[in-house]
Amino acid sequence: MADYLTKLPDDIYCYIMSLMTVRDTFRVKSLSSRWKHLPDCRSVLRFDSHTILGKDPSSFESFPHGSKFVKAVDQFLKIWSAQKTSALVIKFALGNEYASHIDGWIANVTGKEVEELDLDFSSSTLPAGEKYVFPCHLMHTEIGSCLKLLRLNFCHMTSISDVCSSWLSKLSSIELANVSLRSSDIECILSSSLNLESLSLIYCGLREYIFIQHRSLKKLVIAEDCNCIELSCPNLEIFEFSVRTCFIFSHISCLREATLNLYNELGGSSSVFSNLARNAPQLQTLSLWVTTEVSDII
C-alpha cells in the first residue's frame, strides 16, 4: 500500500487535501516532506472553529480560544502555497489585539487573485472598542486588484474617505454589518464603487440623513436608525429596508421586489405606499412587516 501511495501523482494528493479541513491538511502535510510542499488547490481558504480547531461553531464559544486559533492559522500559512485562491473566509471572534496576525493573513493571499474577502469577527463578549480595525491601506496592493466582494462583520474601518479608495472601483458587492461608519464613508463608497451592484448596511451606527445615489446598484439592504434615507437608484431591482425613520424614493423605476419593516411609531405609512406606487411602476412583490410593542404582524 505504501508503494502504491508514493506512485500517485501530485495532482491526486492536491485534490484529496483540498477536500479536507485546514486542520487535517496541516496534519497530513506534517507527515511527509513531499506532501508538505505541495500547492493547495482549494478554491476557498476558510478559517473557522471547525476547519481550524475541529469544533462545532453552533455550540462553541470562540472568543476565549483566540490565541489557540491564531497560532494554528499562523502555522498552517507557513507551509501553505497556492497559485490561486478565489476567496478568503475568516469566521472567529477575534479583536484588534490580533490585528497584526489578521493583517498578515490578508497579505498572505496577495497575488492569489482573491475575488471574495469575508471577515466575520462577531462576538457577544468582545467590547465594541476592541473590534478589529480593517486595513483599507492593504487593499491598494495586489490584494484589492481582483476583489469583487467585501463582507465585513463586527469590526471597524479606517476612515475610507481619508485614504485612497481606488480599490473600491472593482467591487460589485459590499456587505457591512456592525461596522462603524460615517455618512462621509457612505458617500465615498458610492462615488468610488463604479461597478457596485449590491450594497448591505446593517447596524453600522449611521444616524444622519443618507442620500444613496448610484446608477449600477441593483440590490440594497438597509437596517439603520438614521434620520432619513433618500434613494435615487434607477436600476435598483431589490430593496430590503428595516429602520425607524422616514425614507424618500426617487428614480427607482426598475424596482421589482421590496421588503419593508415599519414600526408603529412611524407615522404616515400610507405615504410610503403612495410613494412606491408613484415611483416603482414595475414593483411585483411587496413584503411588509409591521413591528408593534405587543407583537409582530406579517
C-alpha atoms as a PDB file:
ATOM      1  CA  MET A   1       0.000   0.000   0.000  1.00  0.00           C
ATOM      2  CA  ALA A   2       2.858   2.393   0.853  1.00  0.00           C
ATOM      3  CA  ASP A   3       4.469   1.834  -2.568  1.00  0.00           C
ATOM      4  CA  TYR A   4       1.143   2.433  -4.279  1.00  0.00           C
ATOM      5  CA  LEU A   5       0.621   5.733  -2.452  1.00  0.00           C
ATOM      6  CA  THR A   6       4.084   7.009  -3.332  1.00  0.00           C
ATOM      7  CA  LYS A   7       3.352   6.431  -7.013  1.00  0.00           C
ATOM      8  CA  LEU A   8       0.253   8.615  -7.025  1.00  0.00           C
ATOM      9  CA  PRO A   9       0.738  11.886  -8.955  1.00  0.00           C
ATOM     10  CA  ASP A  10       0.869  15.173  -7.055  1.00  0.00           C
ATOM     11  CA  ASP A  11      -2.410  16.306  -8.605  1.00  0.00           C
ATOM     12  CA  ILE A  12      -4.253  13.476  -6.860  1.00  0.00           C
ATOM     13  CA  TYR A  13      -2.703  14.375  -3.500  1.00  0.00           C
ATOM     14  CA  CYS A  14      -3.604  18.022  -4.000  1.00  0.00           C
ATOM     15  CA  TYR A  15      -7.198  17.189  -4.852  1.00  0.00           C
ATOM     16  CA  ILE A  16      -7.605  14.924  -1.807  1.00  0.00           C
ATOM     17  CA  MET A  17      -6.197  17.572   0.528  1.00  0.00           C
ATOM     18  CA  SER A  18      -8.479  20.216  -0.980  1.00  0.00           C
ATOM     19  CA  LEU A  19     -11.426  18.193   0.380  1.00  0.00           C
ATOM     20  CA  MET A  20     -10.008  18.220   3.914  1.00  0.00           C
ATOM     21  CA  THR A  21     -10.346  20.897   6.562  1.00  0.00           C
ATOM     22  CA  VAL A  22      -7.376  23.200   7.093  1.00  0.00           C
ATOM     23  CA  ARG A  23      -6.672  21.376  10.364  1.00  0.00           C
ATOM     24  CA  ASP A  24      -6.493  17.939   8.717  1.00  0.00           C
ATOM     25  CA  THR A  25      -4.499  19.266   5.770  1.00  0.00           C
ATOM     26  CA  PHE A  26      -1.869  20.629   8.158  1.00  0.00           C
ATOM     27  CA  ARG A  27      -1.629  17.243   9.876  1.00  0.00           C
ATOM     28  CA  VAL A  28      -1.230  15.397   6.575  1.00  0.00           C
ATOM     29  CA  LYS A  29       1.425  17.808   5.301  1.00  0.00           C
ATOM     30  CA  SER A  30       3.378  17.252   8.515  1.00  0.00           C
ATOM     31  CA  LEU A  31       3.756  13.538   7.707  1.00  0.00           C
ATOM     32  CA  SER A  32       5.844  13.895   4.556  1.00  0.00           C
ATOM     33  CA  SER A  33       8.342  16.372   3.157  1.00  0.00           C
ATOM     34  CA  ARG A  34       6.859  15.718  -0.283  1.00  0.00           C
ATOM     35  CA  TRP A  35       3.321  16.482   0.842  1.00  0.00           C
ATOM     36  CA  LYS A  36       4.484  19.498   2.843  1.00  0.00           C
ATOM     37  CA  HIS A  37       5.490  21.417  -0.296  1.00  0.00           C
ATOM     38  CA  LEU A  38       2.500  20.513  -2.467  1.00  0.00           C
ATOM     39  CA  PRO A  39       0.381  23.517  -3.520  1.00  0.00           C
ATOM     40  CA  ASP A  40      -3.102  23.925  -2.064  1.00  0.00           C
ATOM     41  CA  CYS A  41      -5.717  23.750  -4.826  1.00  0.00           C
ATOM     42  CA  ARG A  42      -8.812  24.546  -2.723  1.00  0.00           C
ATOM     43  CA  SER A  43     -10.760  27.467  -4.186  1.00  0.00           C
ATOM     44  CA  VAL A  44     -11.813  28.857  -0.794  1.00  0.00           C
ATOM     45  CA  LEU A  45      -9.403  29.338   2.095  1.00  0.00           C
ATOM     46  CA  ARG A  46     -11.683  29.145   5.149  1.00  0.00           C
ATOM     47  CA  PHE A  47     -10.625  29.664   8.765  1.00  0.00           C
ATOM     48  CA  ASP A  48     -13.253  28.980  11.447  1.00  0.00           C
ATOM     49  CA  SER A  49     -13.675  26.910  14.618  1.00  0.00           C
ATOM     50  CA  HIS A  50     -14.449  23.758  12.613  1.00  0.00           C
ATOM     51  CA  THR A  51     -11.703  23.928   9.974  1.00  0.00           C
ATOM     52  CA  ILE A  52      -9.005  25.058  12.443  1.00  0.00           C
ATOM     53  CA  LEU A  53      -9.946  23.608  15.842  1.00  0.00           C
ATOM     54  CA  GLY A  54     -12.361  20.826  14.876  1.00  0.00           C
ATOM     55  CA  LYS A  55     -15.168  22.394  16.932  1.00  0.00           C
ATOM     56  CA  ASP A  56     -18.830  22.844  16.006  1.00  0.00           C
ATOM     57  CA  PRO A  57     -19.393  26.616  15.501  1.00  0.00           C
ATOM     58  CA  SER A  58     -23.014  26.385  16.706  1.00  0.00           C
ATOM     59  CA  SER A  59     -22.024  25.168  20.180  1.00  0.00           C
ATOM     60  CA  PHE A  60     -18.533  26.624  20.549  1.00  0.00           C
ATOM     61  CA  GLU A  61     -17.736  29.992  22.176  1.00  0.00           C
ATOM     62  CA  SER A  62     -14.715  31.050  20.173  1.00  0.00           C
ATOM     63  CA  PHE A  63     -13.683  34.231  21.999  1.00  0.00           C
ATOM     64  CA  PRO A  64     -11.671  32.587  24.857  1.00  0.00           C
ATOM     65  CA  HIS A  65      -9.717  30.497  22.333  1.00  0.00           C
ATOM     66  CA  GLY A  66      -8.355  33.326  20.216  1.00  0.00           C
ATOM     67  CA  SER A  67      -4.671  32.627  20.906  1.00  0.00           C
ATOM     68  CA  LYS A  68      -5.012  28.942  20.028  1.00  0.00           C
ATOM     69  CA  PHE A  69      -6.874  29.764  16.820  1.00  0.00           C
ATOM     70  CA  VAL A  70      -4.354  32.400  15.723  1.00  0.00           C
ATOM     71  CA  LYS A  71      -1.398  30.122  16.411  1.00  0.00           C
ATOM     72  CA  ALA A  72      -2.936  27.313  14.351  1.00  0.00           C
ATOM     73  CA  VAL A  73      -3.640  29.596  11.367  1.00  0.00           C
ATOM     74  CA  ASP A  74      -0.103  31.024  11.522  1.00  0.00           C
ATOM     75  CA  GLN A  75       1.354  27.509  11.492  1.00  0.00           C
ATOM     76  CA  PHE A  76      -0.764  26.462   8.523  1.00  0.00           C
ATOM     77  CA  LEU A  77       0.147  29.520   6.441  1.00  0.00           C
ATOM     78  CA  LYS A  78       3.860  28.868   6.967  1.00  0.00           C
ATOM     79  CA  ILE A  79       3.549  25.716   4.845  1.00  0.00           C
ATOM     80  CA  TRP A  80       0.656  26.869   2.651  1.00  0.00           C
ATOM     81  CA  SER A  81       1.194  27.581  -1.008  1.00  0.00           C
ATOM     82  CA  ALA A  82      -1.284  28.107  -3.815  1.00  0.00           C
ATOM     83  CA  GLN A  83      -1.303  29.623  -7.261  1.00  0.00           C
ATOM     84  CA  LYS A  84      -4.865  30.878  -6.945  1.00  0.00           C
ATOM     85  CA  THR A  85      -7.470  31.227  -4.200  1.00  0.00           C
ATOM     86  CA  SER A  86     -10.831  32.718  -5.089  1.00  0.00           C
ATOM     87  CA  ALA A  87     -11.934  33.549  -1.533  1.00  0.00           C
ATOM     88  CA  LEU A  88     -10.560  34.133   1.968  1.00  0.00           C
ATOM     89  CA  VAL A  89     -13.139  33.491   4.706  1.00  0.00           C
ATOM     90  CA  ILE A  90     -12.431  34.081   8.419  1.00  0.00           C
ATOM     91  CA  LYS A  91     -15.215  33.467  10.947  1.00  0.00           C
ATOM     92  CA  PHE A  92     -13.995  33.624  14.532  1.00  0.00           C
ATOM     93  CA  ALA A  93     -14.370  36.048  17.460  1.00  0.00           C
ATOM     94  CA  LEU A  94     -11.105  37.985  17.230  1.00  0.00           C
ATOM     95  CA  GLY A  95     -10.393  41.505  18.453  1.00  0.00           C
ATOM     96  CA  ASN A  96      -7.827  44.120  17.477  1.00  0.00           C
ATOM     97  CA  GLU A  97      -5.191  42.536  19.731  1.00  0.00           C
ATOM     98  CA  TYR A  98      -4.665  40.064  16.889  1.00  0.00           C
ATOM     99  CA  ALA A  99      -4.599  42.752  14.181  1.00  0.00           C
ATOM    100  CA  SER A 100      -1.015  42.065  13.107  1.00  0.00           C
ATOM    101  CA  HIS A 101      -1.827  38.380  12.581  1.00  0.00           C
ATOM    102  CA  ILE A 102      -5.065  39.051  10.673  1.00  0.00           C
ATOM    103  CA  ASP A 103      -3.354  41.680   8.508  1.00  0.00           C
ATOM    104  CA  GLY A 104      -0.691  39.086   7.773  1.00  0.00           C
ATOM    105  CA  TRP A 105      -3.279  36.501   6.725  1.00  0.00           C
ATOM    106  CA  ILE A 106      -4.826  39.004   4.329  1.00  0.00           C
ATOM    107  CA  ALA A 107      -1.415  39.994   2.972  1.00  0.00           C
ATOM    108  CA  ASN A 108      -0.574  36.299   2.554  1.00  0.00           C
ATOM    109  CA  VAL A 109      -3.119  35.974  -0.256  1.00  0.00           C
ATOM    110  CA  THR A 110      -1.512  38.798  -2.251  1.00  0.00           C
ATOM    111  CA  GLY A 111      -1.174  37.755  -5.879  1.00  0.00           C
ATOM    112  CA  LYS A 112      -3.589  34.815  -5.469  1.00  0.00           C
ATOM    113  CA  GLU A 113      -6.367  36.523  -7.469  1.00  0.00           C
ATOM    114  CA  VAL A 114      -8.713  36.619  -4.468  1.00  0.00           C
ATOM    115  CA  GLU A 115     -12.184  37.781  -5.527  1.00  0.00           C
ATOM    116  CA  GLU A 116     -14.000  37.484  -2.186  1.00  0.00           C
ATOM    117  CA  LEU A 117     -12.935  38.639   1.267  1.00  0.00           C
ATOM    118  CA  ASP A 118     -15.311  37.570   4.051  1.00  0.00           C
ATOM    119  CA  LEU A 119     -14.342  38.534   7.622  1.00  0.00           C
ATOM    120  CA  ASP A 120     -16.762  37.817  10.480  1.00  0.00           C
ATOM    121  CA  PHE A 121     -15.414  38.553  13.976  1.00  0.00           C
ATOM    122  CA  SER A 122     -18.796  38.741  15.708  1.00  0.00           C
ATOM    123  CA  SER A 123     -18.750  38.108  19.441  1.00  0.00           C
ATOM    124  CA  SER A 124     -21.229  38.521  22.284  1.00  0.00           C
ATOM    125  CA  THR A 125     -18.448  39.171  24.807  1.00  0.00           C
ATOM    126  CA  LEU A 126     -15.900  41.337  22.973  1.00  0.00           C
ATOM    127  CA  PRO A 127     -16.308  45.080  23.807  1.00  0.00           C
ATOM    128  CA  ALA A 128     -17.074  47.270  20.783  1.00  0.00           C
ATOM    129  CA  GLY A 129     -13.979  49.369  21.489  1.00  0.00           C
ATOM    130  CA  GLU A 130     -11.745  46.334  20.939  1.00  0.00           C
ATOM    131  CA  LYS A 131     -13.015  45.466  17.457  1.00  0.00           C
ATOM    132  CA  TYR A 132     -10.519  44.604  14.747  1.00  0.00           C
ATOM    133  CA  VAL A 133      -9.668  47.568  12.510  1.00  0.00           C
ATOM    134  CA  PHE A 134      -9.920  46.597   8.849  1.00  0.00           C
ATOM    135  CA  PRO A 135      -6.781  47.773   6.994  1.00  0.00           C
ATOM    136  CA  CYS A 136      -8.064  49.712   3.979  1.00  0.00           C
ATOM    137  CA  HIS A 137      -4.471  50.634   3.146  1.00  0.00           C
ATOM    138  CA  LEU A 138      -3.681  46.977   2.365  1.00  0.00           C
ATOM    139  CA  MET A 139      -6.331  46.964  -0.344  1.00  0.00           C
ATOM    140  CA  HIS A 140      -4.188  49.182  -2.570  1.00  0.00           C
ATOM    141  CA  THR A 141      -1.804  46.294  -3.146  1.00  0.00           C
ATOM    142  CA  GLU A 142      -2.451  43.267  -5.368  1.00  0.00           C
ATOM    143  CA  ILE A 143      -4.978  42.066  -2.780  1.00  0.00           C
ATOM    144  CA  GLY A 144      -7.549  44.593  -3.921  1.00  0.00           C
ATOM    145  CA  SER A 145      -6.811  44.345  -7.627  1.00  0.00           C
ATOM    146  CA  CYS A 146      -9.171  41.369  -8.211  1.00  0.00           C
ATOM    147  CA  LEU A 147     -11.540  41.823  -5.266  1.00  0.00           C
ATOM    148  CA  LYS A 148     -15.227  41.754  -6.234  1.00  0.00           C
ATOM    149  CA  LEU A 149     -16.954  41.022  -2.920  1.00  0.00           C
ATOM    150  CA  LEU A 150     -16.176  42.504   0.503  1.00  0.00           C
ATOM    151  CA  ARG A 151     -18.130  41.210   3.507  1.00  0.00           C
ATOM    152  CA  LEU A 152     -17.289  42.534   6.989  1.00  0.00           C
ATOM    153  CA  ASN A 153     -18.992  41.847  10.320  1.00  0.00           C
ATOM    154  CA  PHE A 154     -18.118  43.253  13.743  1.00  0.00           C
ATOM    155  CA  CYS A 155     -15.071  45.389  13.040  1.00  0.00           C
ATOM    156  CA  HIS A 156     -14.007  48.993  12.468  1.00  0.00           C
ATOM    157  CA  MET A 157     -12.856  50.517   9.217  1.00  0.00           C
ATOM    158  CA  THR A 158     -10.170  53.157   8.947  1.00  0.00           C
ATOM    159  CA  SER A 159     -11.904  56.214   7.532  1.00  0.00           C
ATOM    160  CA  ILE A 160     -12.465  55.355   3.897  1.00  0.00           C
ATOM    161  CA  SER A 161     -12.692  58.993   2.877  1.00  0.00           C
ATOM    162  CA  ASP A 162      -9.253  59.737   4.339  1.00  0.00           C
ATOM    163  CA  VAL A 163      -7.360  57.172   2.245  1.00  0.00           C
ATOM    164  CA  CYS A 164      -7.130  56.357  -1.443  1.00  0.00           C
ATOM    165  CA  SER A 165     -10.261  54.433  -2.378  1.00  0.00           C
ATOM    166  CA  SER A 166      -9.396  53.329  -5.913  1.00  0.00           C
ATOM    167  CA  TRP A 167      -9.620  49.664  -4.829  1.00  0.00           C
ATOM    168  CA  LEU A 168     -13.373  50.086  -4.362  1.00  0.00           C
ATOM    169  CA  SER A 169     -13.885  50.535  -8.099  1.00  0.00           C
ATOM    170  CA  LYS A 170     -13.614  46.774  -8.770  1.00  0.00           C
ATOM    171  CA  LEU A 171     -16.150  45.721  -6.136  1.00  0.00           C
ATOM    172  CA  SER A 172     -19.562  44.501  -7.266  1.00  0.00           C
ATOM    173  CA  SER A 173     -20.843  43.605  -3.777  1.00  0.00           C
ATOM    174  CA  ILE A 174     -20.268  45.207  -0.350  1.00  0.00           C
ATOM    175  CA  GLU A 175     -21.876  43.833   2.824  1.00  0.00           C
ATOM    176  CA  LEU A 176     -21.159  45.654   6.082  1.00  0.00           C
ATOM    177  CA  ALA A 177     -22.677  44.626   9.440  1.00  0.00           C
ATOM    178  CA  ASN A 178     -21.782  46.099  12.826  1.00  0.00           C
ATOM    179  CA  VAL A 179     -19.071  48.163  11.141  1.00  0.00           C
ATOM    180  CA  SER A 180     -18.783  51.745  12.423  1.00  0.00           C
ATOM    181  CA  LEU A 181     -19.323  54.176   9.540  1.00  0.00           C
ATOM    182  CA  ARG A 182     -19.902  57.864   8.954  1.00  0.00           C
ATOM    183  CA  SER A 183     -22.111  59.405   6.290  1.00  0.00           C
ATOM    184  CA  SER A 184     -18.946  60.626   4.538  1.00  0.00           C
ATOM    185  CA  ASP A 185     -17.793  56.987   4.320  1.00  0.00           C
ATOM    186  CA  ILE A 186     -21.031  56.041   2.558  1.00  0.00           C
ATOM    187  CA  GLU A 187     -20.563  58.908   0.109  1.00  0.00           C
ATOM    188  CA  CYS A 188     -17.020  57.714  -0.618  1.00  0.00           C
ATOM    189  CA  ILE A 189     -18.149  54.101  -1.117  1.00  0.00           C
ATOM    190  CA  LEU A 190     -20.898  55.121  -3.539  1.00  0.00           C
ATOM    191  CA  SER A 191     -18.757  57.546  -5.540  1.00  0.00           C
ATOM    192  CA  SER A 192     -15.765  55.158  -5.765  1.00  0.00           C
ATOM    193  CA  SER A 193     -17.542  51.831  -6.350  1.00  0.00           C
ATOM    194  CA  LEU A 194     -18.378  52.350 -10.002  1.00  0.00           C
ATOM    195  CA  ASN A 195     -19.323  48.690 -10.592  1.00  0.00           C
ATOM    196  CA  LEU A 196     -21.275  48.170  -7.380  1.00  0.00           C
ATOM    197  CA  GLU A 197     -24.426  46.071  -7.840  1.00  0.00           C
ATOM    198  CA  SER A 198     -25.228  45.020  -4.257  1.00  0.00           C
ATOM    199  CA  LEU A 199     -24.899  47.021  -1.014  1.00  0.00           C
ATOM    200  CA  SER A 200     -25.862  45.943   2.504  1.00  0.00           C
ATOM    201  CA  LEU A 201     -25.640  48.197   5.585  1.00  0.00           C
ATOM    202  CA  ILE A 202     -26.672  46.513   8.849  1.00  0.00           C
ATOM    203  CA  TYR A 203     -26.321  48.326  12.189  1.00  0.00           C
ATOM    204  CA  CYS A 204     -23.359  50.447  11.121  1.00  0.00           C
ATOM    205  CA  GLY A 205     -24.185  53.302  13.505  1.00  0.00           C
ATOM    206  CA  LEU A 206     -25.472  55.695  10.850  1.00  0.00           C
ATOM    207  CA  ARG A 207     -27.580  58.415  12.483  1.00  0.00           C
ATOM    208  CA  GLU A 208     -27.716  61.241   9.940  1.00  0.00           C
ATOM    209  CA  TYR A 209     -29.504  61.816   6.643  1.00  0.00           C
ATOM    210  CA  ILE A 210     -28.258  59.433   3.958  1.00  0.00           C
ATOM    211  CA  PHE A 211     -28.604  60.000   0.236  1.00  0.00           C
ATOM    212  CA  ILE A 212     -27.934  56.830  -1.761  1.00  0.00           C
ATOM    213  CA  GLN A 213     -27.450  57.629  -5.414  1.00  0.00           C
ATOM    214  CA  HIS A 214     -25.958  55.032  -7.729  1.00  0.00           C
ATOM    215  CA  ARG A 215     -26.660  54.061 -11.319  1.00  0.00           C
ATOM    216  CA  SER A 216     -25.484  50.426 -11.315  1.00  0.00           C
ATOM    217  CA  LEU A 217     -26.873  49.384  -7.905  1.00  0.00           C
ATOM    218  CA  LYS A 218     -29.374  46.508  -8.245  1.00  0.00           C
ATOM    219  CA  LYS A 219     -29.817  45.312  -4.640  1.00  0.00           C
ATOM    220  CA  LEU A 220     -29.891  47.388  -1.447  1.00  0.00           C
ATOM    221  CA  VAL A 221     -30.355  46.165   2.145  1.00  0.00           C
ATOM    222  CA  ILE A 222     -30.534  48.709   4.970  1.00  0.00           C
ATOM    223  CA  ALA A 223     -31.132  48.319   8.713  1.00  0.00           C
ATOM    224  CA  GLU A 224     -30.129  51.616  10.310  1.00  0.00           C
ATOM    225  CA  ASP A 225     -31.591  54.198  12.710  1.00  0.00           C
ATOM    226  CA  CYS A 226     -30.643  57.275  10.696  1.00  0.00           C
ATOM    227  CA  ASN A 227     -32.817  60.382  10.437  1.00  0.00           C
ATOM    228  CA  CYS A 228     -33.843  59.912   6.822  1.00  0.00           C
ATOM    229  CA  ILE A 229     -32.835  57.875   3.777  1.00  0.00           C
ATOM    230  CA  GLU A 230     -33.337  59.035   0.202  1.00  0.00           C
ATOM    231  CA  LEU A 231     -32.900  56.698  -2.760  1.00  0.00           C
ATOM    232  CA  SER A 232     -32.051  57.592  -6.326  1.00  0.00           C
ATOM    233  CA  CYS A 233     -31.086  54.303  -7.977  1.00  0.00           C
ATOM    234  CA  PRO A 234     -32.589  53.965 -11.467  1.00  0.00           C
ATOM    235  CA  ASN A 235     -31.505  50.310 -11.870  1.00  0.00           C
ATOM    236  CA  LEU A 236     -32.415  49.106  -8.367  1.00  0.00           C
ATOM    237  CA  GLU A 237     -34.372  45.846  -8.516  1.00  0.00           C
ATOM    238  CA  ILE A 238     -34.418  44.544  -4.901  1.00  0.00           C
ATOM    239  CA  PHE A 239     -34.786  46.666  -1.757  1.00  0.00           C
ATOM    240  CA  GLU A 240     -34.913  45.483   1.888  1.00  0.00           C
ATOM    241  CA  PHE A 241     -35.495  48.172   4.470  1.00  0.00           C
ATOM    242  CA  SER A 242     -35.691  47.942   8.277  1.00  0.00           C
ATOM    243  CA  VAL A 243     -35.358  51.242  10.148  1.00  0.00           C
ATOM    244  CA  ARG A 244     -37.223  53.572  12.474  1.00  0.00           C
ATOM    245  CA  THR A 245     -37.036  56.540  10.137  1.00  0.00           C
ATOM    246  CA  CYS A 246     -38.534  58.135   7.081  1.00  0.00           C
ATOM    247  CA  PHE A 247     -37.427  57.382   3.563  1.00  0.00           C
ATOM    248  CA  ILE A 248     -37.835  59.072   0.214  1.00  0.00           C
ATOM    249  CA  PHE A 249     -37.974  57.218  -3.101  1.00  0.00           C
ATOM    250  CA  SER A 250     -36.981  58.801  -6.374  1.00  0.00           C
ATOM    251  CA  HIS A 251     -35.743  57.243  -9.603  1.00  0.00           C
ATOM    252  CA  ILE A 252     -36.452  53.602  -8.679  1.00  0.00           C
ATOM    253  CA  SER A 253     -38.422  52.724 -11.788  1.00  0.00           C
ATOM    254  CA  CYS A 254     -36.831  49.238 -12.115  1.00  0.00           C
ATOM    255  CA  LEU A 255     -37.710  48.100  -8.575  1.00  0.00           C
ATOM    256  CA  ARG A 256     -39.297  44.612  -8.660  1.00  0.00           C
ATOM    257  CA  GLU A 257     -39.094  43.395  -5.025  1.00  0.00           C
ATOM    258  CA  ALA A 258     -39.380  45.374  -1.800  1.00  0.00           C
ATOM    259  CA  THR A 259     -39.320  44.216   1.825  1.00  0.00           C
ATOM    260  CA  LEU A 260     -40.236  46.890   4.381  1.00  0.00           C
ATOM    261  CA  ASN A 261     -40.160  46.668   8.176  1.00  0.00           C
ATOM    262  CA  LEU A 262     -42.237  49.524   9.566  1.00  0.00           C
ATOM    263  CA  TYR A 263     -42.537  50.465  13.234  1.00  0.00           C
ATOM    264  CA  ASN A 264     -45.709  51.563  14.945  1.00  0.00           C
ATOM    265  CA  GLU A 265     -44.263  54.914  15.997  1.00  0.00           C
ATOM    266  CA  LEU A 266     -43.502  55.755  12.362  1.00  0.00           C
ATOM    267  CA  GLY A 267     -46.475  57.755  11.146  1.00  0.00           C
ATOM    268  CA  GLY A 268     -47.648  58.295   7.622  1.00  0.00           C
ATOM    269  CA  SER A 269     -47.287  54.739   6.387  1.00  0.00           C
ATOM    270  CA  SER A 270     -49.781  55.494   3.635  1.00  0.00           C
ATOM    271  CA  SER A 271     -47.303  57.959   2.134  1.00  0.00           C
ATOM    272  CA  VAL A 272     -44.794  55.127   1.851  1.00  0.00           C
ATOM    273  CA  PHE A 273     -47.170  53.079  -0.285  1.00  0.00           C
ATOM    274  CA  SER A 274     -48.190  56.033  -2.439  1.00  0.00           C
ATOM    275  CA  ASN A 275     -44.504  56.872  -2.902  1.00  0.00           C
ATOM    276  CA  LEU A 276     -43.820  53.316  -4.051  1.00  0.00           C
ATOM    277  CA  ALA A 277     -46.847  53.287  -6.346  1.00  0.00           C
ATOM    278  CA  ARG A 278     -45.737  56.538  -7.920  1.00  0.00           C
ATOM    279  CA  ASN A 279     -42.017  55.779  -8.319  1.00  0.00           C
ATOM    280  CA  ALA A 280     -41.903  51.972  -8.734  1.00  0.00           C
ATOM    281  CA  PRO A 281     -44.264  51.073 -11.598  1.00  0.00           C
ATOM    282  CA  GLN A 282     -42.614  47.646 -12.104  1.00  0.00           C
ATOM    283  CA  LEU A 283     -42.973  46.531  -8.476  1.00  0.00           C
ATOM    284  CA  GLN A 284     -44.145  42.905  -8.410  1.00  0.00           C
ATOM    285  CA  THR A 285     -43.593  41.770  -4.805  1.00  0.00           C
ATOM    286  CA  LEU A 286     -44.072  43.793  -1.625  1.00  0.00           C
ATOM    287  CA  SER A 287     -43.383  42.117   1.750  1.00  0.00           C
ATOM    288  CA  LEU A 288     -44.493  44.212   4.707  1.00  0.00           C
ATOM    289  CA  TRP A 289     -43.614  43.721   8.372  1.00  0.00           C
ATOM    290  CA  VAL A 290     -45.240  45.998  10.948  1.00  0.00           C
ATOM    291  CA  THR A 291     -43.448  45.845  14.311  1.00  0.00           C
ATOM    292  CA  THR A 292     -45.599  46.860  17.289  1.00  0.00           C
ATOM    293  CA  GLU A 293     -44.911  46.962  21.019  1.00  0.00           C
ATOM    294  CA  VAL A 294     -47.072  43.857  21.507  1.00  0.00           C
ATOM    295  CA  SER A 295     -46.224  41.556  18.602  1.00  0.00           C
ATOM    296  CA  ASP A 296     -45.062  41.386  15.019  1.00  0.00           C
ATOM    297  CA  ILE A 297     -47.655  41.350  12.306  1.00  0.00           C
ATOM    298  CA  ILE A 298     -46.776  39.998   8.854  1.00  0.00           C
END
